[in-house]
mmCIF file of all heavy atoms, coordinates in Angstrom:
data_MODEL
# 
_entry.id   MODEL 
# 
loop_
_atom_site.group_PDB 
_atom_site.id 
_atom_site.type_symbol 
_atom_site.label_atom_id 
_atom_site.label_alt_id 
_atom_site.label_comp_id 
_atom_site.label_asym_id 
_atom_site.label_entity_id 
_atom_site.label_seq_id 
_atom_site.pdbx_PDB_ins_code 
_atom_site.Cartn_x 
_atom_site.Cartn_y 
_atom_site.Cartn_z 
_atom_site.occupancy 
_atom_site.B_iso_or_equiv 
_atom_site.pdbx_formal_charge 
_atom_site.auth_seq_id 
_atom_site.auth_comp_id 
_atom_site.auth_asym_id 
_atom_site.auth_atom_id 
_atom_site.pdbx_PDB_model_num 
ATOM 1   N N   . GLU A 1 1  ? 107.394 155.451 87.446 1.00 0.00 ? 1  GLU A N   1 
ATOM 2   C CA  . GLU A 1 1  ? 108.602 156.221 87.142 1.00 0.00 ? 1  GLU A CA  1 
ATOM 3   C C   . GLU A 1 1  ? 108.352 157.419 86.210 1.00 0.00 ? 1  GLU A C   1 
ATOM 4   O O   . GLU A 1 1  ? 108.950 158.436 86.394 1.00 0.00 ? 1  GLU A O   1 
ATOM 5   C CB  . GLU A 1 1  ? 109.652 155.245 86.464 1.00 0.00 ? 1  GLU A CB  1 
ATOM 6   C CG  . GLU A 1 1  ? 110.196 154.276 87.482 1.00 0.00 ? 1  GLU A CG  1 
ATOM 7   C CD  . GLU A 1 1  ? 111.078 153.233 86.728 1.00 0.00 ? 1  GLU A CD  1 
ATOM 8   O OE1 . GLU A 1 1  ? 111.131 153.363 85.484 1.00 0.00 ? 1  GLU A OE1 1 
ATOM 9   O OE2 . GLU A 1 1  ? 111.612 152.251 87.391 1.00 0.00 ? 1  GLU A OE2 1 
ATOM 10  N N   . LEU A 1 2  ? 107.367 157.268 85.237 1.00 0.00 ? 2  LEU A N   1 
ATOM 11  C CA  . LEU A 1 2  ? 107.057 158.291 84.310 1.00 0.00 ? 2  LEU A CA  1 
ATOM 12  C C   . LEU A 1 2  ? 106.130 159.385 84.910 1.00 0.00 ? 2  LEU A C   1 
ATOM 13  O O   . LEU A 1 2  ? 105.635 160.261 84.211 1.00 0.00 ? 2  LEU A O   1 
ATOM 14  C CB  . LEU A 1 2  ? 106.476 157.693 83.045 1.00 0.00 ? 2  LEU A CB  1 
ATOM 15  C CG  . LEU A 1 2  ? 107.424 156.844 82.236 1.00 0.00 ? 2  LEU A CG  1 
ATOM 16  C CD1 . LEU A 1 2  ? 106.721 156.178 81.136 1.00 0.00 ? 2  LEU A CD1 1 
ATOM 17  C CD2 . LEU A 1 2  ? 108.644 157.649 81.687 1.00 0.00 ? 2  LEU A CD2 1 
ATOM 18  N N   . GLY A 1 3  ? 105.712 159.149 86.148 1.00 0.00 ? 3  GLY A N   1 
ATOM 19  C CA  . GLY A 1 3  ? 104.781 160.123 86.848 1.00 0.00 ? 3  GLY A CA  1 
ATOM 20  C C   . GLY A 1 3  ? 103.466 159.925 86.519 1.00 0.00 ? 3  GLY A C   1 
ATOM 21  O O   . GLY A 1 3  ? 102.598 160.816 86.668 1.00 0.00 ? 3  GLY A O   1 
ATOM 22  N N   . MET A 1 4  ? 102.925 158.846 85.895 1.00 0.00 ? 4  MET A N   1 
ATOM 23  C CA  . MET A 1 4  ? 101.616 158.605 85.573 1.00 0.00 ? 4  MET A CA  1 
ATOM 24  C C   . MET A 1 4  ? 100.809 158.215 86.891 1.00 0.00 ? 4  MET A C   1 
ATOM 25  O O   . MET A 1 4  ? 101.358 157.492 87.660 1.00 0.00 ? 4  MET A O   1 
ATOM 26  C CB  . MET A 1 4  ? 101.505 157.453 84.527 1.00 0.00 ? 4  MET A CB  1 
ATOM 27  C CG  . MET A 1 4  ? 102.206 157.774 83.219 1.00 0.00 ? 4  MET A CG  1 
ATOM 28  S SD  . MET A 1 4  ? 102.097 156.452 81.926 1.00 0.00 ? 4  MET A SD  1 
ATOM 29  C CE  . MET A 1 4  ? 102.979 157.255 80.533 1.00 0.00 ? 4  MET A CE  1 
ATOM 30  N N   . ASP A 1 5  ? 99.573  158.671 86.881 1.00 0.00 ? 5  ASP A N   1 
ATOM 31  C CA  . ASP A 1 5  ? 98.702  158.404 88.036 1.00 0.00 ? 5  ASP A CA  1 
ATOM 32  C C   . ASP A 1 5  ? 97.646  157.309 87.860 1.00 0.00 ? 5  ASP A C   1 
ATOM 33  O O   . ASP A 1 5  ? 96.852  157.071 88.720 1.00 0.00 ? 5  ASP A O   1 
ATOM 34  C CB  . ASP A 1 5  ? 98.152  159.611 88.708 1.00 0.00 ? 5  ASP A CB  1 
ATOM 35  C CG  . ASP A 1 5  ? 97.340  160.441 87.594 1.00 0.00 ? 5  ASP A CG  1 
ATOM 36  O OD1 . ASP A 1 5  ? 96.992  159.874 86.532 1.00 0.00 ? 5  ASP A OD1 1 
ATOM 37  O OD2 . ASP A 1 5  ? 97.053  161.610 87.833 1.00 0.00 ? 5  ASP A OD2 1 
ATOM 38  N N   . ALA A 1 6  ? 97.584  156.792 86.592 1.00 0.00 ? 6  ALA A N   1 
ATOM 39  C CA  . ALA A 1 6  ? 96.711  155.795 86.203 1.00 0.00 ? 6  ALA A CA  1 
ATOM 40  C C   . ALA A 1 6  ? 97.212  155.002 85.043 1.00 0.00 ? 6  ALA A C   1 
ATOM 41  O O   . ALA A 1 6  ? 98.051  155.487 84.338 1.00 0.00 ? 6  ALA A O   1 
ATOM 42  C CB  . ALA A 1 6  ? 95.291  156.419 85.880 1.00 0.00 ? 6  ALA A CB  1 
ATOM 43  N N   . LEU A 1 7  ? 96.705  153.793 84.878 1.00 0.00 ? 7  LEU A N   1 
ATOM 44  C CA  . LEU A 1 7  ? 97.081  152.915 83.777 1.00 0.00 ? 7  LEU A CA  1 
ATOM 45  C C   . LEU A 1 7  ? 96.014  151.901 83.616 1.00 0.00 ? 7  LEU A C   1 
ATOM 46  O O   . LEU A 1 7  ? 95.295  151.335 84.481 1.00 0.00 ? 7  LEU A O   1 
ATOM 47  C CB  . LEU A 1 7  ? 98.298  152.124 84.211 1.00 0.00 ? 7  LEU A CB  1 
ATOM 48  C CG  . LEU A 1 7  ? 99.032  151.198 83.280 1.00 0.00 ? 7  LEU A CG  1 
ATOM 49  C CD1 . LEU A 1 7  ? 99.600  151.946 81.954 1.00 0.00 ? 7  LEU A CD1 1 
ATOM 50  C CD2 . LEU A 1 7  ? 100.146 150.408 83.856 1.00 0.00 ? 7  LEU A CD2 1 
ATOM 51  N N   . ALA A 1 8  ? 95.746  151.510 82.245 1.00 0.00 ? 8  ALA A N   1 
ATOM 52  C CA  . ALA A 1 8  ? 94.758  150.616 81.937 1.00 0.00 ? 8  ALA A CA  1 
ATOM 53  C C   . ALA A 1 8  ? 95.322  149.329 81.486 1.00 0.00 ? 8  ALA A C   1 
ATOM 54  O O   . ALA A 1 8  ? 96.564  149.185 80.991 1.00 0.00 ? 8  ALA A O   1 
ATOM 55  C CB  . ALA A 1 8  ? 93.826  151.104 80.719 1.00 0.00 ? 8  ALA A CB  1 
ATOM 56  N N   . LEU A 1 9  ? 94.616  148.207 81.468 1.00 0.00 ? 9  LEU A N   1 
ATOM 57  C CA  . LEU A 1 9  ? 94.992  146.952 81.004 1.00 0.00 ? 9  LEU A CA  1 
ATOM 58  C C   . LEU A 1 9  ? 94.018  146.372 80.100 1.00 0.00 ? 9  LEU A C   1 
ATOM 59  O O   . LEU A 1 9  ? 92.712  146.273 80.492 1.00 0.00 ? 9  LEU A O   1 
ATOM 60  C CB  . LEU A 1 9  ? 95.188  145.858 82.168 1.00 0.00 ? 9  LEU A CB  1 
ATOM 61  C CG  . LEU A 1 9  ? 95.603  144.476 81.709 1.00 0.00 ? 9  LEU A CG  1 
ATOM 62  C CD1 . LEU A 1 9  ? 97.040  144.499 81.023 1.00 0.00 ? 9  LEU A CD1 1 
ATOM 63  C CD2 . LEU A 1 9  ? 95.646  143.540 82.856 1.00 0.00 ? 9  LEU A CD2 1 
ATOM 64  N N   . THR A 1 10 ? 94.305  146.176 78.779 1.00 0.00 ? 10 THR A N   1 
ATOM 65  C CA  . THR A 1 10 ? 93.234  145.741 77.807 1.00 0.00 ? 10 THR A CA  1 
ATOM 66  C C   . THR A 1 10 ? 93.836  144.568 76.937 1.00 0.00 ? 10 THR A C   1 
ATOM 67  O O   . THR A 1 10 ? 94.067  144.697 75.819 1.00 0.00 ? 10 THR A O   1 
ATOM 68  C CB  . THR A 1 10 ? 93.029  146.972 76.924 1.00 0.00 ? 10 THR A CB  1 
ATOM 69  O OG1 . THR A 1 10 ? 94.196  147.417 76.236 1.00 0.00 ? 10 THR A OG1 1 
ATOM 70  C CG2 . THR A 1 10 ? 92.354  148.084 77.675 1.00 0.00 ? 10 THR A CG2 1 
ATOM 71  N N   . ASP A 1 11 ? 93.978  143.464 77.603 1.00 0.00 ? 11 ASP A N   1 
ATOM 72  C CA  . ASP A 1 11 ? 94.438  142.255 76.980 1.00 0.00 ? 11 ASP A CA  1 
ATOM 73  C C   . ASP A 1 11 ? 93.421  141.753 75.920 1.00 0.00 ? 11 ASP A C   1 
ATOM 74  O O   . ASP A 1 11 ? 92.228  141.976 76.032 1.00 0.00 ? 11 ASP A O   1 
ATOM 75  C CB  . ASP A 1 11 ? 94.766  141.175 77.930 1.00 0.00 ? 11 ASP A CB  1 
ATOM 76  C CG  . ASP A 1 11 ? 96.229  141.473 78.626 1.00 0.00 ? 11 ASP A CG  1 
ATOM 77  O OD1 . ASP A 1 11 ? 97.072  141.765 77.854 1.00 0.00 ? 11 ASP A OD1 1 
ATOM 78  O OD2 . ASP A 1 11 ? 96.242  141.243 79.896 1.00 0.00 ? 11 ASP A OD2 1 
ATOM 79  N N   . HIS A 1 12 ? 93.880  140.977 75.027 1.00 0.00 ? 12 HIS A N   1 
ATOM 80  C CA  . HIS A 1 12 ? 93.008  140.465 73.926 1.00 0.00 ? 12 HIS A CA  1 
ATOM 81  C C   . HIS A 1 12 ? 92.205  139.457 74.378 1.00 0.00 ? 12 HIS A C   1 
ATOM 82  O O   . HIS A 1 12 ? 92.451  138.289 74.660 1.00 0.00 ? 12 HIS A O   1 
ATOM 83  C CB  . HIS A 1 12 ? 93.939  139.895 72.783 1.00 0.00 ? 12 HIS A CB  1 
ATOM 84  C CG  . HIS A 1 12 ? 94.584  140.878 71.859 1.00 0.00 ? 12 HIS A CG  1 
ATOM 85  N ND1 . HIS A 1 12 ? 93.771  141.822 71.041 1.00 0.00 ? 12 HIS A ND1 1 
ATOM 86  C CD2 . HIS A 1 12 ? 95.852  141.184 71.440 1.00 0.00 ? 12 HIS A CD2 1 
ATOM 87  C CE1 . HIS A 1 12 ? 94.639  142.503 70.315 1.00 0.00 ? 12 HIS A CE1 1 
ATOM 88  N NE2 . HIS A 1 12 ? 95.793  142.161 70.594 1.00 0.00 ? 12 HIS A NE2 1 
ATOM 89  N N   . GLY A 1 13 ? 90.817  139.788 74.482 1.00 0.00 ? 13 GLY A N   1 
ATOM 90  C CA  . GLY A 1 13 ? 89.751  138.838 74.826 1.00 0.00 ? 13 GLY A CA  1 
ATOM 91  C C   . GLY A 1 13 ? 89.710  138.260 76.186 1.00 0.00 ? 13 GLY A C   1 
ATOM 92  O O   . GLY A 1 13 ? 88.873  137.411 76.437 1.00 0.00 ? 13 GLY A O   1 
ATOM 93  N N   . VAL A 1 14 ? 90.652  138.660 77.048 1.00 0.00 ? 14 VAL A N   1 
ATOM 94  C CA  . VAL A 1 14 ? 90.730  137.875 78.261 1.00 0.00 ? 14 VAL A CA  1 
ATOM 95  C C   . VAL A 1 14 ? 90.925  138.957 79.425 1.00 0.00 ? 14 VAL A C   1 
ATOM 96  O O   . VAL A 1 14 ? 91.340  140.037 79.311 1.00 0.00 ? 14 VAL A O   1 
ATOM 97  C CB  . VAL A 1 14 ? 91.962  136.912 78.335 1.00 0.00 ? 14 VAL A CB  1 
ATOM 98  C CG1 . VAL A 1 14 ? 91.755  135.854 77.276 1.00 0.00 ? 14 VAL A CG1 1 
ATOM 99  C CG2 . VAL A 1 14 ? 93.283  137.639 78.252 1.00 0.00 ? 14 VAL A CG2 1 
ATOM 100 N N   . LEU A 1 15 ? 90.700  138.409 80.651 1.00 0.00 ? 15 LEU A N   1 
ATOM 101 C CA  . LEU A 1 15 ? 90.923  139.256 81.924 1.00 0.00 ? 15 LEU A CA  1 
ATOM 102 C C   . LEU A 1 15 ? 91.872  138.526 82.844 1.00 0.00 ? 15 LEU A C   1 
ATOM 103 O O   . LEU A 1 15 ? 91.852  138.680 84.094 1.00 0.00 ? 15 LEU A O   1 
ATOM 104 C CB  . LEU A 1 15 ? 89.504  139.457 82.651 1.00 0.00 ? 15 LEU A CB  1 
ATOM 105 C CG  . LEU A 1 15 ? 88.473  140.198 81.853 1.00 0.00 ? 15 LEU A CG  1 
ATOM 106 C CD1 . LEU A 1 15 ? 87.062  140.217 82.640 1.00 0.00 ? 15 LEU A CD1 1 
ATOM 107 C CD2 . LEU A 1 15 ? 88.926  141.683 81.629 1.00 0.00 ? 15 LEU A CD2 1 
ATOM 108 N N   . TYR A 1 16 ? 92.690  137.629 82.364 1.00 0.00 ? 16 TYR A N   1 
ATOM 109 C CA  . TYR A 1 16 ? 93.534  136.812 83.164 1.00 0.00 ? 16 TYR A CA  1 
ATOM 110 C C   . TYR A 1 16 ? 94.463  137.589 84.046 1.00 0.00 ? 16 TYR A C   1 
ATOM 111 O O   . TYR A 1 16 ? 94.672  137.124 85.235 1.00 0.00 ? 16 TYR A O   1 
ATOM 112 C CB  . TYR A 1 16 ? 94.526  136.018 82.253 1.00 0.00 ? 16 TYR A CB  1 
ATOM 113 C CG  . TYR A 1 16 ? 93.809  135.029 81.295 1.00 0.00 ? 16 TYR A CG  1 
ATOM 114 C CD1 . TYR A 1 16 ? 94.404  134.649 80.144 1.00 0.00 ? 16 TYR A CD1 1 
ATOM 115 C CD2 . TYR A 1 16 ? 92.569  134.458 81.605 1.00 0.00 ? 16 TYR A CD2 1 
ATOM 116 C CE1 . TYR A 1 16 ? 93.863  133.781 79.240 1.00 0.00 ? 16 TYR A CE1 1 
ATOM 117 C CE2 . TYR A 1 16 ? 91.919  133.520 80.796 1.00 0.00 ? 16 TYR A CE2 1 
ATOM 118 C CZ  . TYR A 1 16 ? 92.570  133.258 79.576 1.00 0.00 ? 16 TYR A CZ  1 
ATOM 119 O OH  . TYR A 1 16 ? 91.985  132.379 78.702 1.00 0.00 ? 16 TYR A OH  1 
ATOM 120 N N   . GLY A 1 17 ? 94.902  138.818 83.665 1.00 0.00 ? 17 GLY A N   1 
ATOM 121 C CA  . GLY A 1 17 ? 95.772  139.581 84.425 1.00 0.00 ? 17 GLY A CA  1 
ATOM 122 C C   . GLY A 1 17 ? 95.178  140.578 85.302 1.00 0.00 ? 17 GLY A C   1 
ATOM 123 O O   . GLY A 1 17 ? 95.901  141.370 85.967 1.00 0.00 ? 17 GLY A O   1 
ATOM 124 N N   . ALA A 1 18 ? 93.919  140.621 85.420 1.00 0.00 ? 18 ALA A N   1 
ATOM 125 C CA  . ALA A 1 18 ? 93.221  141.707 86.028 1.00 0.00 ? 18 ALA A CA  1 
ATOM 126 C C   . ALA A 1 18 ? 93.556  141.829 87.475 1.00 0.00 ? 18 ALA A C   1 
ATOM 127 O O   . ALA A 1 18 ? 93.848  142.872 87.988 1.00 0.00 ? 18 ALA A O   1 
ATOM 128 C CB  . ALA A 1 18 ? 91.708  141.565 85.898 1.00 0.00 ? 18 ALA A CB  1 
ATOM 129 N N   . VAL A 1 19 ? 93.519  140.756 88.253 1.00 0.00 ? 19 VAL A N   1 
ATOM 130 C CA  . VAL A 1 19 ? 93.756  140.836 89.733 1.00 0.00 ? 19 VAL A CA  1 
ATOM 131 C C   . VAL A 1 19 ? 95.212  141.146 89.906 1.00 0.00 ? 19 VAL A C   1 
ATOM 132 O O   . VAL A 1 19 ? 95.500  141.990 90.801 1.00 0.00 ? 19 VAL A O   1 
ATOM 133 C CB  . VAL A 1 19 ? 93.466  139.400 90.404 1.00 0.00 ? 19 VAL A CB  1 
ATOM 134 C CG1 . VAL A 1 19 ? 93.804  139.462 91.835 1.00 0.00 ? 19 VAL A CG1 1 
ATOM 135 C CG2 . VAL A 1 19 ? 91.951  139.168 90.253 1.00 0.00 ? 19 VAL A CG2 1 
ATOM 136 N N   . GLU A 1 20 ? 96.204  140.522 89.217 1.00 0.00 ? 20 GLU A N   1 
ATOM 137 C CA  . GLU A 1 20 ? 97.483  140.877 89.452 1.00 0.00 ? 20 GLU A CA  1 
ATOM 138 C C   . GLU A 1 20 ? 97.798  142.238 89.076 1.00 0.00 ? 20 GLU A C   1 
ATOM 139 O O   . GLU A 1 20 ? 98.530  142.965 89.783 1.00 0.00 ? 20 GLU A O   1 
ATOM 140 C CB  . GLU A 1 20 ? 98.355  139.932 88.494 1.00 0.00 ? 20 GLU A CB  1 
ATOM 141 C CG  . GLU A 1 20 ? 99.919  140.208 88.645 1.00 0.00 ? 20 GLU A CG  1 
ATOM 142 C CD  . GLU A 1 20 ? 100.751 139.413 87.646 1.00 0.00 ? 20 GLU A CD  1 
ATOM 143 O OE1 . GLU A 1 20 ? 99.997  138.530 86.945 1.00 0.00 ? 20 GLU A OE1 1 
ATOM 144 O OE2 . GLU A 1 20 ? 101.975 139.698 87.504 1.00 0.00 ? 20 GLU A OE2 1 
ATOM 145 N N   . PHE A 1 21 ? 97.112  142.751 88.044 1.00 0.00 ? 21 PHE A N   1 
ATOM 146 C CA  . PHE A 1 21 ? 97.316  144.216 87.613 1.00 0.00 ? 21 PHE A CA  1 
ATOM 147 C C   . PHE A 1 21 ? 96.755  145.155 88.701 1.00 0.00 ? 21 PHE A C   1 
ATOM 148 O O   . PHE A 1 21 ? 97.369  146.144 88.982 1.00 0.00 ? 21 PHE A O   1 
ATOM 149 C CB  . PHE A 1 21 ? 96.598  144.336 86.293 1.00 0.00 ? 21 PHE A CB  1 
ATOM 150 C CG  . PHE A 1 21 ? 96.558  145.738 85.709 1.00 0.00 ? 21 PHE A CG  1 
ATOM 151 C CD1 . PHE A 1 21 ? 97.742  146.444 85.316 1.00 0.00 ? 21 PHE A CD1 1 
ATOM 152 C CD2 . PHE A 1 21 ? 95.421  146.438 85.755 1.00 0.00 ? 21 PHE A CD2 1 
ATOM 153 C CE1 . PHE A 1 21 ? 97.701  147.765 84.865 1.00 0.00 ? 21 PHE A CE1 1 
ATOM 154 C CE2 . PHE A 1 21 ? 95.351  147.827 85.356 1.00 0.00 ? 21 PHE A CE2 1 
ATOM 155 C CZ  . PHE A 1 21 ? 96.439  148.362 84.859 1.00 0.00 ? 21 PHE A CZ  1 
ATOM 156 N N   . TYR A 1 22 ? 95.591  144.837 89.135 1.00 0.00 ? 22 TYR A N   1 
ATOM 157 C CA  . TYR A 1 22 ? 94.975  145.691 90.197 1.00 0.00 ? 22 TYR A CA  1 
ATOM 158 C C   . TYR A 1 22 ? 95.909  145.812 91.420 1.00 0.00 ? 22 TYR A C   1 
ATOM 159 O O   . TYR A 1 22 ? 96.044  146.936 91.867 1.00 0.00 ? 22 TYR A O   1 
ATOM 160 C CB  . TYR A 1 22 ? 93.627  145.113 90.616 1.00 0.00 ? 22 TYR A CB  1 
ATOM 161 C CG  . TYR A 1 22 ? 92.947  145.882 91.590 1.00 0.00 ? 22 TYR A CG  1 
ATOM 162 C CD1 . TYR A 1 22 ? 92.045  146.935 91.270 1.00 0.00 ? 22 TYR A CD1 1 
ATOM 163 C CD2 . TYR A 1 22 ? 93.009  145.525 92.957 1.00 0.00 ? 22 TYR A CD2 1 
ATOM 164 C CE1 . TYR A 1 22 ? 91.414  147.702 92.263 1.00 0.00 ? 22 TYR A CE1 1 
ATOM 165 C CE2 . TYR A 1 22 ? 92.326  146.313 93.873 1.00 0.00 ? 22 TYR A CE2 1 
ATOM 166 C CZ  . TYR A 1 22 ? 91.534  147.322 93.540 1.00 0.00 ? 22 TYR A CZ  1 
ATOM 167 O OH  . TYR A 1 22 ? 90.915  148.088 94.546 1.00 0.00 ? 22 TYR A OH  1 
ATOM 168 N N   . LEU A 1 23 ? 96.406  144.694 91.895 1.00 0.00 ? 23 LEU A N   1 
ATOM 169 C CA  . LEU A 1 23 ? 97.220  144.722 93.055 1.00 0.00 ? 23 LEU A CA  1 
ATOM 170 C C   . LEU A 1 23 ? 98.556  145.416 92.757 1.00 0.00 ? 23 LEU A C   1 
ATOM 171 O O   . LEU A 1 23 ? 99.022  146.179 93.725 1.00 0.00 ? 23 LEU A O   1 
ATOM 172 C CB  . LEU A 1 23 ? 97.453  143.302 93.577 1.00 0.00 ? 23 LEU A CB  1 
ATOM 173 C CG  . LEU A 1 23 ? 96.173  142.518 94.062 1.00 0.00 ? 23 LEU A CG  1 
ATOM 174 C CD1 . LEU A 1 23 ? 96.542  141.090 94.371 1.00 0.00 ? 23 LEU A CD1 1 
ATOM 175 C CD2 . LEU A 1 23 ? 95.635  143.169 95.280 1.00 0.00 ? 23 LEU A CD2 1 
ATOM 176 N N   . ALA A 1 24 ? 99.141  145.204 91.651 1.00 0.00 ? 24 ALA A N   1 
ATOM 177 C CA  . ALA A 1 24 ? 100.406 145.907 91.338 1.00 0.00 ? 24 ALA A CA  1 
ATOM 178 C C   . ALA A 1 24 ? 100.254 147.377 91.306 1.00 0.00 ? 24 ALA A C   1 
ATOM 179 O O   . ALA A 1 24 ? 101.072 148.086 91.667 1.00 0.00 ? 24 ALA A O   1 
ATOM 180 C CB  . ALA A 1 24 ? 100.923 145.296 90.082 1.00 0.00 ? 24 ALA A CB  1 
ATOM 181 N N   . CYS A 1 25 ? 99.174  147.763 90.640 1.00 0.00 ? 25 CYS A N   1 
ATOM 182 C CA  . CYS A 1 25 ? 98.810  149.214 90.537 1.00 0.00 ? 25 CYS A CA  1 
ATOM 183 C C   . CYS A 1 25 ? 98.692  149.806 91.899 1.00 0.00 ? 25 CYS A C   1 
ATOM 184 O O   . CYS A 1 25 ? 99.184  150.952 92.183 1.00 0.00 ? 25 CYS A O   1 
ATOM 185 C CB  . CYS A 1 25 ? 97.603  149.521 89.680 1.00 0.00 ? 25 CYS A CB  1 
ATOM 186 S SG  . CYS A 1 25 ? 97.871  149.312 87.901 1.00 0.00 ? 25 CYS A SG  1 
ATOM 187 N N   . ARG A 1 26 ? 97.944  149.204 92.697 1.00 0.00 ? 26 ARG A N   1 
ATOM 188 C CA  . ARG A 1 26 ? 97.684  149.736 94.069 1.00 0.00 ? 26 ARG A CA  1 
ATOM 189 C C   . ARG A 1 26 ? 98.995  149.855 94.897 1.00 0.00 ? 26 ARG A C   1 
ATOM 190 O O   . ARG A 1 26 ? 99.253  150.731 95.631 1.00 0.00 ? 26 ARG A O   1 
ATOM 191 C CB  . ARG A 1 26 ? 96.791  148.864 94.918 1.00 0.00 ? 26 ARG A CB  1 
ATOM 192 C CG  . ARG A 1 26 ? 95.340  148.868 94.326 1.00 0.00 ? 26 ARG A CG  1 
ATOM 193 C CD  . ARG A 1 26 ? 94.598  150.151 94.500 1.00 0.00 ? 26 ARG A CD  1 
ATOM 194 N NE  . ARG A 1 26 ? 94.513  150.539 95.884 1.00 0.00 ? 26 ARG A NE  1 
ATOM 195 C CZ  . ARG A 1 26 ? 93.351  150.234 96.630 1.00 0.00 ? 26 ARG A CZ  1 
ATOM 196 N NH1 . ARG A 1 26 ? 92.418  149.614 95.999 1.00 0.00 ? 26 ARG A NH1 1 
ATOM 197 N NH2 . ARG A 1 26 ? 93.213  150.605 97.839 1.00 0.00 ? 26 ARG A NH2 1 
ATOM 198 N N   . GLU A 1 27 ? 99.856  148.815 94.717 1.00 0.00 ? 27 GLU A N   1 
ATOM 199 C CA  . GLU A 1 27 ? 101.199 148.879 95.425 1.00 0.00 ? 27 GLU A CA  1 
ATOM 200 C C   . GLU A 1 27 ? 102.052 149.999 94.785 1.00 0.00 ? 27 GLU A C   1 
ATOM 201 O O   . GLU A 1 27 ? 102.832 150.655 95.598 1.00 0.00 ? 27 GLU A O   1 
ATOM 202 C CB  . GLU A 1 27 ? 101.898 147.423 95.141 1.00 0.00 ? 27 GLU A CB  1 
ATOM 203 C CG  . GLU A 1 27 ? 103.225 147.384 95.883 1.00 0.00 ? 27 GLU A CG  1 
ATOM 204 C CD  . GLU A 1 27 ? 103.880 146.042 95.785 1.00 0.00 ? 27 GLU A CD  1 
ATOM 205 O OE1 . GLU A 1 27 ? 103.245 145.108 95.290 1.00 0.00 ? 27 GLU A OE1 1 
ATOM 206 O OE2 . GLU A 1 27 ? 105.063 145.962 96.063 1.00 0.00 ? 27 GLU A OE2 1 
ATOM 207 N N   . ALA A 1 28 ? 101.994 150.281 93.502 1.00 0.00 ? 28 ALA A N   1 
ATOM 208 C CA  . ALA A 1 28 ? 102.699 151.362 92.924 1.00 0.00 ? 28 ALA A CA  1 
ATOM 209 C C   . ALA A 1 28 ? 102.070 152.705 93.121 1.00 0.00 ? 28 ALA A C   1 
ATOM 210 O O   . ALA A 1 28 ? 102.647 153.719 92.702 1.00 0.00 ? 28 ALA A O   1 
ATOM 211 C CB  . ALA A 1 28 ? 102.850 151.083 91.396 1.00 0.00 ? 28 ALA A CB  1 
ATOM 212 N N   . GLY A 1 29 ? 100.943 152.770 93.777 1.00 0.00 ? 29 GLY A N   1 
ATOM 213 C CA  . GLY A 1 29 ? 100.326 154.037 93.985 1.00 0.00 ? 29 GLY A CA  1 
ATOM 214 C C   . GLY A 1 29 ? 99.634  154.732 92.847 1.00 0.00 ? 29 GLY A C   1 
ATOM 215 O O   . GLY A 1 29 ? 99.480  155.962 92.692 1.00 0.00 ? 29 GLY A O   1 
# 
């Protein structure tokens, strides 16, 4: 919505959200 074309995920010490985040970003373009 804010017109950003990239986004990072940097959770504390873990990669639990990586797959969900990757797929959500791809879906959002």
